[in-house]
Amino acid sequence: MPVDSTNEIVVGVLVLIIFCAVLILLLRLWIKFLARMRNRSIQKKIAAGKIKDKTLMKLYQRFQKSQNGKVIAMMCFGVNYKLFLRTQSDTYEIYKAEMIRRNLPL
């Protein structure tokens, strides 16, 4: 009798681990999707000229300061903190490229 209950516990724990892994994977995919949509939105705004130089400089400086925010990334995104840092870096590069294109001071 104890063997069956032990097997049930092990199976339950394995199901829980698999469920958590799938949940983390889905969260990661959702974050990637949102990051792509945000970056496309930023690029469209820049291409349409909707972002003024002063606003662009503020956004660039804000992202420059938060480049190495590993602690905040770990607190907000947990296991997906590297994904957060990568998306921040991608957005920073978009702003940086536009700053260079407009000949604004970095």
Protein backbone atom coordinates (compact mmCIF):
# COMPACT_ATOMS: atom_id res chain seq x y z
CA MET A 1 0.00 0.00 0.00
CA PRO A 2 2.72 2.60 0.77
CA VAL A 3 4.36 1.92 -2.61
CA ASP A 4 1.22 2.98 -4.47
CA SER A 5 0.88 6.23 -2.55
CA THR A 6 4.57 7.00 -3.17
CA ASN A 7 4.12 6.39 -6.89
CA GLU A 8 1.07 8.63 -6.90
CA ILE A 9 3.03 11.39 -5.19
CA VAL A 10 5.92 11.07 -7.65
CA VAL A 11 3.53 11.14 -10.62
CA GLY A 12 1.74 14.16 -9.15
CA VAL A 13 5.02 16.03 -8.68
CA LEU A 14 6.13 15.19 -12.23
CA VAL A 15 2.81 16.42 -13.64
CA LEU A 16 3.20 19.63 -11.64
CA ILE A 17 6.75 20.15 -12.93
CA ILE A 18 5.67 19.58 -16.54
CA PHE A 19 2.72 21.93 -16.09
CA CYS A 20 5.01 24.65 -14.69
CA ALA A 21 7.51 24.19 -17.54
CA VAL A 22 4.75 24.54 -20.14
CA LEU A 23 3.40 27.60 -18.35
CA ILE A 24 6.86 29.22 -18.32
CA LEU A 25 7.28 28.44 -22.03
CA LEU A 26 3.93 30.03 -22.86
CA LEU A 27 4.82 33.10 -20.79
CA ARG A 28 8.11 33.38 -22.64
CA LEU A 29 6.38 33.21 -26.02
CA TRP A 30 3.85 35.84 -24.93
CA ILE A 31 6.62 38.19 -23.76
CA LYS A 32 8.47 37.75 -27.09
CA PHE A 33 5.29 38.53 -29.00
CA LEU A 34 4.61 41.68 -26.97
CA ALA A 35 8.21 42.84 -27.32
CA ARG A 36 8.09 42.43 -31.10
CA MET A 37 4.83 44.33 -31.29
CA ARG A 38 6.24 47.14 -29.14
CA ASN A 39 9.40 47.42 -31.25
CA ARG A 40 7.37 47.46 -34.47
CA SER A 41 5.17 50.18 -33.02
CA ILE A 42 8.23 52.24 -32.09
CA GLN A 43 9.71 51.80 -35.55
CA LYS A 44 6.45 52.86 -37.20
CA LYS A 45 6.22 55.96 -35.02
CA ILE A 46 9.81 56.87 -35.85
CA ALA A 47 9.27 56.27 -39.58
CA ALA A 48 6.13 58.40 -39.53
CA GLY A 49 7.98 61.20 -37.75
CA LYS A 50 5.68 61.15 -34.73
CA ILE A 51 8.55 61.22 -32.23
CA LYS A 52 10.18 64.61 -31.79
CA ASP A 53 13.90 65.01 -31.20
CA LYS A 54 13.48 66.00 -27.56
CA THR A 55 11.25 63.00 -26.84
CA LEU A 56 13.63 60.69 -28.67
CA MET A 57 16.56 61.95 -26.60
CA LYS A 58 14.63 61.34 -23.35
CA LEU A 59 13.63 57.83 -24.40
CA TYR A 60 17.19 57.04 -25.48
CA GLN A 61 18.62 58.27 -22.17
CA ARG A 62 16.04 56.30 -20.18
CA PHE A 63 16.88 53.07 -22.00
CA GLN A 64 20.61 53.80 -21.73
CA LYS A 65 20.32 54.05 -17.95
CA SER A 66 18.34 50.82 -17.67
CA GLN A 67 20.67 48.75 -19.85
CA ASN A 68 22.12 46.68 -17.02
CA GLY A 69 19.08 46.41 -14.75
CA LYS A 70 19.56 42.72 -13.99
CA VAL A 71 18.10 42.92 -10.50
CA ILE A 72 14.88 44.54 -11.69
CA ALA A 73 14.70 42.09 -14.61
CA MET A 74 15.04 39.13 -12.25
CA MET A 75 12.38 40.52 -9.92
CA CYS A 76 9.90 41.21 -12.72
CA PHE A 77 10.48 38.32 -15.09
CA GLY A 78 12.09 35.59 -12.98
CA VAL A 79 13.52 32.86 -15.17
CA ASN A 80 12.88 34.93 -18.28
CA TYR A 81 15.09 37.82 -17.14
CA LYS A 82 17.50 37.35 -20.05
CA LEU A 83 14.63 37.74 -22.47
CA PHE A 84 13.70 41.02 -20.78
CA LEU A 85 17.27 42.26 -21.04
CA ARG A 86 17.39 41.30 -24.73
CA THR A 87 14.15 43.13 -25.50
CA GLN A 88 15.40 46.20 -23.63
CA SER A 89 18.61 46.03 -25.65
CA ASP A 90 16.69 45.75 -28.93
CA THR A 91 14.60 48.81 -28.09
CA TYR A 92 17.74 50.69 -27.06
CA GLU A 93 19.33 49.88 -30.42
CA ILE A 94 16.27 51.22 -32.27
CA TYR A 95 16.51 54.51 -30.41
CA LYS A 96 20.28 54.65 -30.84
CA ALA A 97 20.06 54.10 -34.60
CA GLU A 98 17.49 56.89 -34.89
CA MET A 99 19.63 59.21 -32.76
CA ILE A 100 22.55 58.59 -35.11
CA ARG A 101 20.36 59.06 -38.19
CA ARG A 102 19.10 62.41 -36.90
CA ASN A 103 22.62 63.48 -35.86
CA LEU A 104 21.60 63.98 -32.25
CA PRO A 105 24.19 63.75 -29.48
CA LEU A 106 24.52 60.36 -27.85
